[in-house]
Protein backbone atom coordinates (compact mmCIF):
# COMPACT_ATOMS: atom_id res chain seq x y z
CA MET A 1 0.16 -0.08 -0.18
CA GLN A 2 0.92 3.20 -0.40
CA SER A 3 1.76 5.11 1.75
CA PRO A 4 0.23 8.65 1.55
CA LEU A 5 2.81 11.08 0.94
CA GLN A 6 3.97 8.66 -2.52
CA ALA A 7 -0.40 9.42 -2.98
CA ALA A 8 -1.77 12.28 -4.98
CA THR A 9 -2.46 14.55 -2.25
CA LEU A 10 -5.41 16.74 -2.40
CA LEU A 11 -6.06 20.16 -0.34
CA VAL A 12 -8.91 21.46 1.15
CA THR A 13 -10.37 23.90 2.68
CA GLY A 14 -12.93 24.97 5.11
CA SER A 15 -12.95 20.87 5.84
CA ALA A 16 -14.55 20.83 9.19
CA GLY A 17 -17.59 22.46 7.64
CA PHE A 18 -20.63 20.59 6.42
CA ILE A 19 -20.28 20.65 2.94
CA GLY A 20 -16.11 20.27 3.47
CA SER A 21 -16.53 17.04 6.47
CA ALA A 22 -18.71 15.24 3.77
CA LEU A 23 -16.14 16.03 1.08
CA VAL A 24 -13.40 15.33 3.01
CA ARG A 25 -14.86 11.89 4.21
CA HIS A 26 -15.84 10.85 0.87
CA LEU A 27 -12.88 11.13 -0.44
CA VAL A 28 -10.80 9.52 2.42
CA ARG A 29 -13.39 6.57 3.18
CA THR A 30 -13.86 6.47 -1.42
CA THR A 31 -9.97 7.64 -3.38
CA ALA A 32 -6.95 7.14 -2.67
CA TYR A 33 -6.44 10.35 -2.02
CA HIS A 34 -3.89 11.94 0.93
CA VAL A 35 -6.78 14.50 1.96
CA VAL A 36 -4.88 17.58 4.07
CA SER A 37 -7.70 19.61 5.03
CA LEU A 38 -7.75 23.11 6.60
CA ASP A 39 -9.89 24.84 8.62
CA ALA A 40 -9.64 28.07 11.09
CA LEU A 41 -12.83 25.56 12.96
CA THR A 42 -15.05 28.97 13.75
CA TYR A 43 -18.43 29.15 14.43
CA ALA A 44 -19.27 27.33 11.13
CA GLY A 45 -16.42 24.36 11.67
CA ASN A 46 -16.71 21.43 13.50
CA LEU A 47 -13.58 19.58 14.15
CA ASP A 48 -16.65 17.43 15.48
CA SER A 49 -18.06 16.68 11.85
CA LEU A 50 -13.89 15.03 10.36
CA THR A 51 -14.39 12.80 14.04
CA SER A 52 -14.42 9.30 11.53
CA VAL A 53 -11.41 10.01 9.16
CA LEU A 54 -8.98 11.73 12.08
CA ASP A 55 -7.01 9.22 12.52
CA HIS A 56 -6.84 7.72 9.55
CA PRO A 57 -3.43 7.66 6.97
CA GLN A 58 -5.60 9.04 4.09
CA HIS A 59 -6.09 12.08 5.63
CA GLN A 60 -4.26 14.76 7.61
CA PHE A 61 -6.63 17.90 9.93
CA VAL A 62 -4.52 21.22 9.79
CA HIS A 63 -5.88 24.32 11.96
CA GLY A 64 -5.10 27.32 10.82
CA ASP A 65 -6.17 30.14 7.90
CA ILE A 66 -6.55 30.43 4.69
CA GLY A 67 -5.51 33.99 4.70
CA ASP A 68 -2.15 33.43 6.37
CA ALA A 69 -0.26 32.58 3.37
CA ALA A 70 2.99 31.52 4.87
CA LEU A 71 1.12 28.76 6.11
CA VAL A 72 -0.72 28.26 2.71
CA ARG A 73 2.66 27.69 1.11
CA GLU A 74 4.23 25.58 3.57
CA LEU A 75 1.37 23.73 2.50
CA LEU A 76 1.62 23.05 -1.22
CA GLU A 77 5.40 22.97 -0.57
CA ARG A 78 5.09 20.30 2.25
CA TYR A 79 2.48 17.91 0.67
CA GLN A 80 2.16 18.89 -3.22
CA PRO A 81 -0.75 18.56 -3.74
CA VAL A 82 -2.16 18.03 -6.91
CA GLY A 83 -5.48 19.84 -6.76
CA LEU A 84 -7.11 22.65 -4.57
CA ILE A 85 -11.05 22.68 -3.26
CA HIS A 86 -11.85 25.82 -1.34
CA LEU A 87 -14.48 25.57 0.47
CA ALA A 88 -13.78 27.88 3.45
CA ALA A 89 -16.03 30.72 3.21
CA GLU A 90 -17.69 33.23 6.23
CA SER A 91 -21.38 32.18 5.04
CA HIS A 92 -24.95 33.25 7.01
CA VAL A 93 -26.98 36.24 4.78
CA ASP A 94 -27.83 37.53 8.71
CA ARG A 95 -24.10 37.77 9.28
CA SER A 96 -22.93 39.12 6.82
CA ILE A 97 -25.01 42.77 6.89
CA ASP A 98 -23.81 42.54 11.32
CA ALA A 99 -20.42 42.83 9.88
CA PRO A 100 -19.74 42.70 6.57
CA ALA A 101 -15.87 44.01 6.63
CA LEU A 102 -15.65 39.55 8.03
CA PHE A 103 -17.13 38.37 5.01
CA LEU A 104 -14.42 40.93 2.60
CA ALA A 105 -11.73 39.52 4.25
CA THR A 106 -12.42 35.86 5.30
CA ASN A 107 -14.14 35.32 1.37
CA VAL A 108 -12.24 38.36 -0.95
CA HIS A 109 -8.65 38.26 0.68
CA GLY A 110 -8.64 35.08 1.98
CA THR A 111 -9.41 34.13 -1.24
CA LEU A 112 -6.94 35.78 -3.19
CA THR A 113 -4.15 34.45 -0.80
CA LEU A 114 -4.83 30.99 -1.56
CA LEU A 115 -4.03 32.15 -5.04
CA GLU A 116 -1.38 33.39 -4.97
CA GLU A 117 -0.68 30.73 -3.24
CA SER A 118 -1.32 28.79 -5.41
CA ARG A 119 -0.29 30.28 -8.81
CA ARG A 120 3.74 29.88 -7.71
CA HIS A 121 2.48 26.25 -6.26
CA TRP A 122 1.44 25.49 -9.57
CA GLN A 123 4.10 27.12 -11.85
CA ARG A 124 6.81 25.52 -9.76
CA ARG A 125 4.97 22.02 -10.76
CA ARG A 126 4.76 23.16 -14.13
CA VAL A 127 7.85 22.62 -14.88
CA ALA A 128 8.30 19.28 -12.79
CA GLY A 129 5.83 17.82 -15.68
CA GLY A 130 3.48 18.32 -12.31
CA SER A 131 -0.28 19.20 -12.57
CA PHE A 132 -2.83 21.03 -10.00
CA ARG A 133 -6.30 22.64 -10.21
CA PHE A 134 -7.81 25.12 -8.14
CA VAL A 135 -11.39 24.87 -7.26
CA HIS A 136 -13.55 27.31 -5.88
CA VAL A 137 -16.68 26.34 -4.19
CA SER A 138 -18.87 29.61 -4.40
CA THR A 139 -22.77 30.49 -4.38
CA ASP A 140 -26.83 30.60 -5.54
CA GLU A 141 -26.62 33.64 -4.30
CA VAL A 142 -24.62 35.55 -6.66
CA PHE A 143 -26.90 35.84 -9.13
CA GLY A 144 -29.94 36.94 -6.10
CA SER A 145 -32.79 36.79 -5.97
CA LEU A 146 -34.93 35.01 -7.15
CA GLY A 147 -39.25 35.65 -8.27
CA ALA A 148 -42.69 33.17 -8.51
CA VAL A 149 -41.29 32.94 -11.97
CA ASP A 150 -38.41 33.39 -12.91
CA PRO A 151 -36.53 31.34 -15.11
CA PRO A 152 -34.40 29.95 -13.64
CA CYS A 153 -30.36 30.29 -13.43
CA THR A 154 -27.85 28.80 -16.05
CA THR A 155 -24.28 29.91 -16.02
CA ALA A 156 -25.51 32.53 -18.06
CA THR A 157 -26.97 34.65 -16.01
CA PRO A 158 -25.46 37.91 -14.56
CA TYR A 159 -23.96 39.00 -11.52
CA ALA A 160 -26.22 39.97 -9.79
CA PRO A 161 -25.68 39.71 -5.36
CA SER A 162 -28.16 41.26 -2.61
CA SER A 163 -26.02 41.20 0.38
CA PRO A 164 -22.02 42.00 1.84
CA TYR A 165 -22.05 37.61 1.76
CA ALA A 166 -23.47 37.16 -2.00
CA ALA A 167 -21.21 40.05 -2.65
CA SER A 168 -17.74 39.27 -0.68
CA LYS A 169 -18.44 35.34 -2.62
CA ALA A 170 -19.36 36.71 -6.38
CA GLY A 171 -15.50 39.26 -5.55
CA ALA A 172 -14.16 35.75 -4.72
CA ASP A 173 -15.13 34.25 -8.27
CA HIS A 174 -14.35 37.13 -9.84
CA LEU A 175 -10.42 36.66 -8.68
CA VAL A 176 -10.72 33.03 -9.60
CA ARG A 177 -12.00 33.71 -13.49
CA ALA A 178 -9.13 36.61 -13.63
CA TRP A 179 -6.49 34.16 -11.58
CA GLY A 180 -7.58 31.72 -14.24
CA HIS A 181 -7.42 34.20 -17.79
CA THR A 182 -3.93 35.87 -17.45
CA TYR A 183 -1.50 33.95 -15.12
CA GLY A 184 -3.76 30.65 -17.11
CA LEU A 185 -4.04 28.29 -13.41
CA PRO A 186 -6.32 25.90 -14.25
CA VAL A 187 -9.44 27.21 -12.18
CA ILE A 188 -13.41 25.55 -11.81
CA VAL A 189 -16.06 27.12 -10.29
CA THR A 190 -19.31 25.73 -9.03
CA THR A 191 -22.27 27.87 -7.92
CA CYS A 192 -24.34 25.72 -6.01
CA SER A 193 -28.11 25.67 -4.49
CA ASN A 194 -28.82 24.57 -0.41
CA ASN A 195 -27.48 21.69 0.35
CA TYR A 196 -29.40 19.82 2.99
CA TRP A 197 -28.78 16.87 5.68
CA SER A 198 -32.00 14.71 4.91
CA VAL A 199 -32.24 12.16 8.26
CA SER A 200 -34.51 8.84 8.38
CA VAL A 201 -37.81 8.83 10.72
CA PRO A 202 -38.47 5.88 11.76
């Protein structure tokens, strides 16, 4: 069996959140990837959600902030991931109304930090013949609100964020696409809708 550092590695941010933890558990249980997960463990992160994989040999949890460039650089250099899946974000519309600066700091500046460190990492890997991809998980809220008779959004729908949260995520989306266009960084932006956890009731 390959050791974790011999297997291809993915760096997942926001790994202790609702979606991030589900992704990490899925990757560890169903793939051969070594997963390095990064989370600041704020109100939105719960380390208990990773309990089942915390000690798994394919998983390494790191407590830290995506805005910490030195830490991000260290993780990229140490683990040499083939991809970064970016789920870390301040979320919830009501919270963004009360503290918009916090949302801009994490969702915009934090994403910028990840992009810049990923760009350097990707350029080094490219010289050595390796590959890398930056996957940014956004939200459908960047498209604004729909009325009862409005058609559904598509990838061609113009951006119309209507809250500080949505605006901060839209700003992050634009940065990711700009780094893809300007620097050639291989990027993917997803705009999923609300996610739910279904529970069976006997």
